[in-house]
Amino acid sequence: MNSLGIDKRPEDTRVVVAMSGGVDSSVAAALLKEEGYDVVGITLQLYDYGAVVEKPGTCCAGQDIYDARRVADALGFPHYVLDFEDRFRQEVIDDFADTYLSGETPIPCVKCNQTVKFRDLVARARDLQADALATGHYIQRVTRHNDVELHRGTNHDKDQSYFLFATTQEQLNFLRFPLGSLTKDETRAQAERLGLAIADKPDSQDICFVPNGKYADIVKKLRPEGVVPGDIVDVAGRVLGEHQGVINYTVGQRRGLNIGGGDPLYVIRLDPENARVIVGPREALLENEVRLREVNWLGQDPLPDAGLEIQVKLRSLQPLVPAKLRPLPNGALVTLHEAQAGVSPGQACVFYDGERVLGGGWIVRRDRSALAA
């Protein structure tokens, strides 16, 4: 059994590595090559800058493809670039724009992992007769009693489990994460030791196709007809001001409302059907129950009807909070032990049992009744 848990010698084990051109995926590929694995690097061409943004970004195009190829050439393994622009546009960018217009706040990195990276890239890796697909994510794959589990990265500051909650069990069986036990500093140290030219390359900070951080600009460019001005109202329906499109607001937002003085007000809910932004005091943000759709469950046993005590994350940087999870016919209901503020529709609620990731689902807007028990 080799270090990847595959019953072959490393040199007989083909590993496709998803290479974004950054430090993390480059080190993952280099470490596997150093161990003697039959490494094949694949970089996805995901978007055309001119169709989406006005200046270069930080992932999966241009310089990044060049950097990935440089690493592969230096280490002596084959590298291929796959044109996934059409898929990425349909599955990620269009979904991003449509989700904002629906009054929700999307997480395109999850959609990308869920579709073009893990669904489609896993299929391509199998076509190449690979034994595994490796990525540079900071997350761990743990085998226990012959079952494969997904666990948080050892370094919780870099843990990326929130963004990988939609990974299916079948995908997890095929995936490997060589950096799961490392810190970012340790990864950079490995890059320097291995002599990688990208050892000092900065981390990407924004969504790859929104490098300037101006999300609304992308939506306006892709869906100009959907950006409709309307009223900012309080929870009683009184008009307090005007807005230039619900896409400019997210639940929990306080700054930038431009509705005068008085007590602080926060965005409580977005009503795109009536082009309204509803605001109120912070206590109106508190929620005890969170309804979810499109739930991915990674537990070995089915989720019991009576529910299960777990911990959840409602945002990527939020600490784990205790909750009870129970299934609904079309999703799930999370009952928080302590009310939380700023539960934002379109974001993910990810389930944990300590270090283990049990899956997650997408948060549903308060005013939707499709998942009513």
Protein backbone atom coordinates (compact mmCIF):
# COMPACT_ATOMS: atom_id res chain seq x y z
CA MET A 1 0.00 0.00 0.00
CA ASN A 2 1.49 3.34 -1.04
CA SER A 3 1.20 6.69 0.76
CA LEU A 4 -2.07 7.45 -1.06
CA GLY A 5 -3.67 4.26 0.23
CA ILE A 6 -3.57 2.57 -3.18
CA ASP A 7 -2.29 -0.99 -3.49
CA LYS A 8 0.35 -0.20 -6.11
CA ARG A 9 3.91 1.02 -6.23
CA PRO A 10 4.09 4.82 -6.61
CA GLU A 11 5.64 4.54 -10.07
CA ASP A 12 2.67 2.39 -11.15
CA THR A 13 0.12 4.81 -9.69
CA ARG A 14 -1.09 7.59 -11.98
CA VAL A 15 -2.20 10.74 -10.18
CA VAL A 16 -3.79 13.63 -12.04
CA VAL A 17 -3.15 16.91 -10.19
CA ALA A 18 -5.46 19.88 -10.65
CA MET A 19 -2.99 22.76 -11.09
CA SER A 20 -4.28 26.33 -10.82
CA GLY A 21 -0.83 27.89 -11.22
CA GLY A 22 -0.61 28.82 -7.55
CA VAL A 23 1.74 27.70 -4.81
CA ASP A 24 -0.57 25.13 -3.21
CA SER A 25 -1.39 22.98 -6.23
CA SER A 26 2.19 23.26 -7.50
CA VAL A 27 3.56 21.93 -4.21
CA ALA A 28 0.98 19.13 -4.18
CA ALA A 29 2.16 18.04 -7.63
CA ALA A 30 5.84 18.39 -6.74
CA LEU A 31 5.55 16.33 -3.54
CA LEU A 32 3.79 13.52 -5.39
CA LYS A 33 6.40 13.59 -8.15
CA GLU A 34 9.15 13.50 -5.53
CA GLU A 35 7.60 10.32 -4.06
CA GLY A 36 7.81 8.70 -7.46
CA TYR A 37 4.18 8.83 -8.58
CA ASP A 38 3.20 8.98 -12.25
CA VAL A 39 2.01 12.59 -12.13
CA VAL A 40 -0.05 14.31 -14.83
CA GLY A 41 -0.85 18.00 -14.38
CA ILE A 42 -4.10 19.49 -15.66
CA THR A 43 -5.00 23.17 -15.68
CA LEU A 44 -8.48 24.34 -16.58
CA GLN A 45 -8.91 27.38 -18.81
CA LEU A 46 -12.06 28.69 -17.15
CA TYR A 47 -12.89 32.09 -18.56
CA ASP A 48 -12.06 34.81 -21.04
CA TYR A 49 -11.13 38.00 -19.20
CA GLY A 50 -12.59 40.21 -21.91
CA ALA A 51 -16.02 38.61 -21.56
CA VAL A 52 -16.20 39.13 -17.81
CA VAL A 53 -13.55 41.44 -16.33
CA GLU A 54 -11.42 44.30 -17.56
CA LYS A 55 -8.08 43.27 -16.04
CA PRO A 56 -6.23 40.04 -15.20
CA GLY A 57 -7.27 38.02 -12.18
CA THR A 58 -5.59 35.35 -10.15
CA CYS A 59 -6.70 31.90 -11.17
CA CYS A 60 -7.03 29.59 -14.14
CA ALA A 61 -6.17 31.93 -17.01
CA GLY A 62 -3.23 33.78 -18.54
CA GLN A 63 -0.20 33.92 -16.29
CA ASP A 64 -1.50 31.15 -14.06
CA ILE A 65 -1.62 28.64 -16.89
CA TYR A 66 1.93 29.62 -17.79
CA ASP A 67 3.06 29.19 -14.16
CA ALA A 68 1.50 25.72 -13.92
CA ARG A 69 3.23 24.68 -17.14
CA ARG A 70 6.59 26.02 -15.88
CA VAL A 71 6.34 23.85 -12.75
CA ALA A 72 5.44 20.75 -14.76
CA ASP A 73 8.27 21.32 -17.23
CA ALA A 74 10.79 21.89 -14.43
CA LEU A 75 9.79 18.69 -12.65
CA GLY A 76 9.45 16.61 -15.78
CA PHE A 77 5.83 15.52 -15.89
CA PRO A 78 3.21 16.08 -18.60
CA HIS A 79 0.85 19.04 -18.35
CA TYR A 80 -2.38 19.65 -20.23
CA VAL A 81 -4.72 22.65 -20.46
CA LEU A 82 -8.43 21.86 -20.85
CA ASP A 83 -10.80 24.48 -22.23
CA PHE A 84 -13.72 24.54 -19.79
CA GLU A 85 -14.79 28.12 -20.54
CA ASP A 86 -18.29 27.25 -21.72
CA ARG A 87 -18.94 24.96 -18.75
CA PHE A 88 -17.58 27.49 -16.28
CA ARG A 89 -19.68 30.27 -17.79
CA GLN A 90 -22.86 28.20 -17.55
CA GLU A 91 -22.28 26.44 -14.23
CA VAL A 92 -20.52 29.18 -12.24
CA ILE A 93 -20.60 32.69 -13.74
CA ASP A 94 -24.22 32.60 -14.95
CA ASP A 95 -25.29 31.00 -11.67
CA PHE A 96 -23.42 33.75 -9.79
CA ALA A 97 -25.32 36.50 -11.62
CA ASP A 98 -28.70 34.78 -11.39
CA THR A 99 -28.27 34.04 -7.67
CA TYR A 100 -27.55 37.69 -6.89
CA LEU A 101 -30.60 38.78 -8.90
CA SER A 102 -32.76 36.34 -6.92
CA GLY A 103 -31.86 38.12 -3.67
CA GLU A 104 -29.31 35.56 -2.49
CA THR A 105 -25.54 35.73 -1.96
CA PRO A 106 -23.72 33.05 -3.98
CA ILE A 107 -20.48 31.20 -3.26
CA PRO A 108 -19.02 30.59 -6.73
CA CYS A 109 -15.98 28.73 -5.37
CA VAL A 110 -18.29 25.99 -4.05
CA LYS A 111 -20.15 25.81 -7.36
CA CYS A 112 -16.82 25.55 -9.19
CA ASN A 113 -15.63 22.71 -6.95
CA GLN A 114 -19.02 21.02 -7.21
CA THR A 115 -19.19 21.12 -11.01
CA VAL A 116 -16.24 21.77 -13.30
CA LYS A 117 -13.50 20.80 -10.83
CA PHE A 118 -14.73 17.68 -9.10
CA ARG A 119 -17.53 16.43 -11.34
CA ASP A 120 -15.97 17.14 -14.74
CA LEU A 121 -12.29 16.95 -13.84
CA VAL A 122 -12.76 13.65 -12.02
CA ALA A 123 -14.32 12.30 -15.22
CA ARG A 124 -11.34 13.50 -17.27
CA ALA A 125 -8.89 11.98 -14.78
CA ARG A 126 -10.64 8.64 -15.10
CA ASP A 127 -10.43 8.97 -18.89
CA LEU A 128 -6.66 9.28 -18.43
CA GLN A 129 -6.73 6.01 -16.43
CA ALA A 130 -5.70 7.82 -13.27
CA ASP A 131 -5.87 6.10 -9.90
CA ALA A 132 -6.58 9.39 -8.11
CA LEU A 133 -7.13 13.12 -8.57
CA ALA A 134 -5.10 15.34 -6.24
CA THR A 135 -5.68 19.00 -5.39
CA GLY A 136 -3.93 21.62 -3.28
CA HIS A 137 -6.83 22.14 -0.89
CA TYR A 138 -6.21 22.37 2.86
CA ILE A 139 -8.50 19.54 3.88
CA GLN A 140 -7.95 15.94 4.94
CA ARG A 141 -9.15 12.61 3.63
CA VAL A 142 -9.19 10.07 6.45
CA THR A 143 -9.75 6.31 6.13
CA ARG A 144 -11.30 4.76 9.21
CA HIS A 145 -12.69 1.19 9.45
CA ASN A 146 -12.57 0.97 5.63
CA ASP A 147 -14.71 4.11 5.32
CA VAL A 148 -13.35 7.28 3.72
CA GLU A 149 -14.15 10.48 5.62
CA LEU A 150 -13.62 14.17 4.92
CA HIS A 151 -11.94 16.11 7.75
CA ARG A 152 -10.95 19.70 8.35
CA GLY A 153 -7.41 20.73 7.49
CA THR A 154 -4.96 20.45 10.38
CA ASN A 155 -4.39 24.20 10.21
CA HIS A 156 -7.84 25.61 10.95
CA ASP A 157 -6.79 29.07 9.75
CA LYS A 158 -6.41 27.68 6.22
CA ASP A 159 -9.04 24.94 6.43
CA GLN A 160 -11.11 24.88 3.21
CA SER A 161 -13.74 22.35 4.23
CA TYR A 162 -16.55 24.94 4.06
CA PHE A 163 -15.96 25.25 0.32
CA LEU A 164 -15.89 21.48 -0.25
CA PHE A 165 -19.06 20.43 1.57
CA ALA A 166 -20.70 19.36 -1.71
CA THR A 167 -18.03 16.72 -2.42
CA THR A 168 -19.81 13.40 -2.88
CA GLN A 169 -18.69 10.12 -1.34
CA GLU A 170 -17.84 8.74 -4.78
CA GLN A 171 -15.64 11.76 -5.52
CA LEU A 172 -14.02 11.57 -2.08
CA ASN A 173 -13.03 7.96 -2.70
CA PHE A 174 -11.07 9.13 -5.76
CA LEU A 175 -9.65 12.40 -4.40
CA ARG A 176 -6.41 13.01 -2.51
CA PHE A 177 -5.27 16.14 -0.62
CA PRO A 178 -1.48 16.11 -0.07
CA LEU A 179 -1.46 19.45 1.84
CA GLY A 180 -4.14 18.62 4.39
CA SER A 181 -1.70 18.36 7.30
CA LEU A 182 0.42 21.41 6.37
CA THR A 183 0.29 25.08 7.24
CA LYS A 184 0.67 27.71 4.53
CA ASP A 185 4.16 28.56 5.81
CA GLU A 186 5.12 24.89 5.59
CA THR A 187 3.79 24.73 2.03
CA ARG A 188 5.85 27.76 0.99
CA ALA A 189 8.89 26.22 2.67
CA GLN A 190 8.36 23.07 0.60
CA ALA A 191 8.07 25.21 -2.55
CA GLU A 192 11.43 26.81 -1.76
CA ARG A 193 13.04 23.45 -0.93
CA LEU A 194 11.81 22.02 -4.21
CA GLY A 195 13.06 25.05 -6.13
CA LEU A 196 9.67 26.00 -7.56
CA ALA A 197 9.70 29.32 -9.40
CA ILE A 198 6.30 30.25 -7.91
CA ALA A 199 7.39 29.87 -4.26
CA ASP A 200 6.79 33.58 -3.54
CA LYS A 201 3.63 33.96 -5.63
CA PRO A 202 0.91 35.77 -3.64
CA ASP A 203 -2.31 34.01 -2.70
CA SER A 204 -5.46 34.93 -4.59
CA GLN A 205 -7.78 37.06 -2.45
CA ASP A 206 -10.89 37.52 -4.57
CA ILE A 207 -13.21 35.38 -6.63
CA CYS A 208 -11.14 34.52 -9.71
CA PHE A 209 -13.44 36.22 -12.21
CA VAL A 210 -14.02 39.24 -9.91
CA PRO A 211 -10.41 40.31 -9.21
CA ASN A 212 -11.37 43.86 -8.21
CA GLY A 213 -13.92 42.66 -5.65
CA LYS A 214 -16.79 44.56 -7.32
CA TYR A 215 -19.34 41.77 -7.58
CA ALA A 216 -22.22 44.04 -8.62
CA ASP A 217 -20.28 45.19 -11.70
CA ILE A 218 -20.16 41.62 -13.00
CA VAL A 219 -23.92 41.16 -12.52
CA LYS A 220 -24.65 44.48 -14.26
CA LYS A 221 -22.49 43.44 -17.19
CA LEU A 222 -24.05 40.00 -17.54
CA ARG A 223 -27.67 40.82 -16.62
CA PRO A 224 -28.18 44.57 -17.17
CA GLU A 225 -31.92 44.12 -17.60
CA GLY A 226 -32.20 42.60 -14.12
CA VAL A 227 -30.79 45.52 -12.14
CA VAL A 228 -33.94 47.39 -11.08
CA PRO A 229 -34.06 50.37 -8.66
CA GLY A 230 -36.53 50.32 -5.80
CA ASP A 231 -37.28 51.21 -2.21
CA ILE A 232 -35.45 50.62 1.05
CA VAL A 233 -38.13 49.93 3.66
CA ASP A 234 -38.21 49.08 7.35
CA VAL A 235 -39.80 45.92 8.74
CA ALA A 236 -43.16 47.75 8.95
CA GLY A 237 -43.00 48.61 5.26
CA ARG A 238 -42.26 52.32 5.62
CA VAL A 239 -40.09 53.74 2.85
CA LEU A 240 -36.76 55.04 4.18
CA GLY A 241 -34.84 55.57 0.94
CA GLU A 242 -34.08 54.28 -2.53
CA HIS A 243 -31.61 51.77 -3.97
CA GLN A 244 -30.20 51.06 -7.42
CA GLY A 245 -30.65 47.28 -7.36
CA VAL A 246 -30.87 44.52 -4.73
CA ILE A 247 -27.62 43.12 -6.12
CA ASN A 248 -25.78 45.84 -4.17
CA TYR A 249 -26.90 44.43 -0.79
CA THR A 250 -26.47 41.32 1.31
CA VAL A 251 -28.23 40.16 4.47
CA GLY A 252 -26.48 41.58 7.54
CA GLN A 253 -25.05 44.59 5.70
CA ARG A 254 -24.92 47.85 7.67
CA ARG A 255 -22.67 50.19 5.71
CA GLY A 256 -23.69 51.90 2.51
CA LEU A 257 -27.44 52.05 3.14
CA ASN A 258 -27.49 55.87 2.89
CA ILE A 259 -30.76 56.29 4.72
CA GLY A 260 -29.85 58.94 7.28
CA GLY A 261 -29.22 58.93 11.01
CA GLY A 262 -30.94 57.25 13.94
CA ASP A 263 -30.26 53.83 15.37
CA PRO A 264 -28.08 51.49 13.28
CA LEU A 265 -30.05 49.53 10.69
CA TYR A 266 -29.07 46.32 8.92
CA VAL A 267 -30.30 44.54 5.81
CA ILE A 268 -32.76 41.96 7.14
CA ARG A 269 -34.12 40.57 3.88
CA LEU A 270 -34.04 41.15 0.14
CA ASP A 271 -37.27 41.11 -1.88
CA PRO A 272 -36.23 41.08 -5.56
CA GLU A 273 -39.76 40.36 -6.78
CA ASN A 274 -40.83 43.79 -5.49
CA ALA A 275 -37.38 45.42 -5.82
CA ARG A 276 -37.26 46.11 -2.07
CA VAL A 277 -34.48 46.05 0.51
CA ILE A 278 -35.88 45.45 4.01
CA VAL A 279 -33.87 46.87 6.91
CA GLY A 280 -34.22 46.70 10.67
CA PRO A 281 -32.39 46.58 14.01
CA ARG A 282 -29.69 43.99 14.65
CA GLU A 283 -31.99 41.83 16.78
CA ALA A 284 -34.19 41.33 13.70
CA LEU A 285 -31.24 39.50 12.11
CA LEU A 286 -31.17 36.79 14.76
CA GLU A 287 -32.39 33.38 13.66
CA ASN A 288 -32.75 30.07 15.46
CA GLU A 289 -33.83 27.99 12.48
CA VAL A 290 -32.16 27.65 9.10
CA ARG A 291 -33.82 25.79 6.23
CA LEU A 292 -31.64 24.16 3.59
CA ARG A 293 -31.98 22.81 0.07
CA GLU A 294 -29.78 20.50 -2.03
CA VAL A 295 -28.29 18.80 1.02
CA ASN A 296 -25.18 16.66 0.58
CA TRP A 297 -24.83 14.08 3.37
CA LEU A 298 -21.48 12.35 4.00
CA GLY A 299 -22.38 10.33 7.08
CA GLN A 300 -22.02 6.55 6.92
CA ASP A 301 -25.60 6.12 8.15
CA PRO A 302 -28.66 7.99 6.86
CA LEU A 303 -29.62 11.12 8.78
CA PRO A 304 -32.14 9.92 11.41
CA ASP A 305 -35.67 11.33 11.28
CA ALA A 306 -35.35 12.34 14.93
CA GLY A 307 -32.37 14.49 14.06
CA LEU A 308 -28.71 14.59 15.01
CA GLU A 309 -26.65 16.88 17.25
CA ILE A 310 -23.87 18.45 15.18
CA GLN A 311 -21.86 21.65 14.79
CA VAL A 312 -22.34 23.96 11.82
CA LYS A 313 -20.68 26.83 9.98
CA LEU A 314 -22.97 29.42 8.43
CA ARG A 315 -20.10 31.41 6.90
CA SER A 316 -16.60 30.35 5.90
CA LEU A 317 -14.84 32.34 8.65
CA GLN A 318 -17.39 31.67 11.39
CA PRO A 319 -16.47 29.37 14.31
CA LEU A 320 -18.38 26.11 14.66
CA VAL A 321 -21.66 26.51 16.55
CA PRO A 322 -23.80 23.70 18.04
CA ALA A 323 -27.07 22.81 16.36
CA LYS A 324 -29.54 20.01 15.70
CA LEU A 325 -30.03 18.77 12.15
CA ARG A 326 -33.10 16.92 10.95
CA PRO A 327 -34.19 15.90 7.46
CA LEU A 328 -37.12 17.46 5.59
CA PRO A 329 -38.76 16.06 2.45
CA ASN A 330 -36.91 18.51 0.19
CA GLY A 331 -33.91 19.46 2.30
CA ALA A 332 -33.12 19.82 5.98
CA LEU A 333 -33.78 22.01 9.01
CA VAL A 334 -30.99 23.25 11.28
CA THR A 335 -32.03 24.40 14.75
CA LEU A 336 -29.30 26.51 16.32
CA HIS A 337 -28.72 26.25 20.06
CA GLU A 338 -28.04 29.99 20.12
CA ALA A 339 -29.55 32.40 17.61
CA GLN A 340 -27.12 33.71 15.00
CA ALA A 341 -27.15 37.00 13.10
CA GLY A 342 -26.70 37.48 9.37
CA VAL A 343 -27.86 34.07 8.13
CA SER A 344 -27.64 34.80 4.42
CA PRO A 345 -29.68 32.95 1.77
CA GLY A 346 -27.50 31.47 -0.95
CA GLN A 347 -24.65 30.83 1.45
CA ALA A 348 -23.81 27.36 2.73
CA CYS A 349 -24.52 25.71 6.06
CA VAL A 350 -21.85 23.05 6.55
CA PHE A 351 -22.17 20.18 9.03
CA TYR A 352 -19.40 18.92 11.33
CA ASP A 353 -18.86 16.23 13.93
CA GLY A 354 -15.73 17.60 15.54
CA GLU A 355 -13.08 17.48 12.82
CA ARG A 356 -15.18 15.43 10.44
CA VAL A 357 -17.20 17.08 7.67
CA LEU A 358 -20.68 15.57 7.38
CA GLY A 359 -21.79 17.57 4.35
CA GLY A 360 -24.00 20.62 4.12
CA GLY A 361 -26.68 22.44 2.16
CA TRP A 362 -27.68 25.80 0.70
CA ILE A 363 -29.49 28.30 2.93
CA VAL A 364 -33.01 29.13 1.73
CA ARG A 365 -34.58 32.58 1.82
CA ARG A 366 -36.79 33.21 4.84
CA ASP A 367 -39.90 33.86 2.80
CA ARG A 368 -39.69 30.61 0.86
CA SER A 369 -42.03 27.82 1.93
CA ALA A 370 -40.90 25.10 -0.46
CA LEU A 371 -39.16 23.19 2.33
CA ALA A 372 -41.89 23.47 4.91
CA ALA A 373 -42.19 20.33 6.96
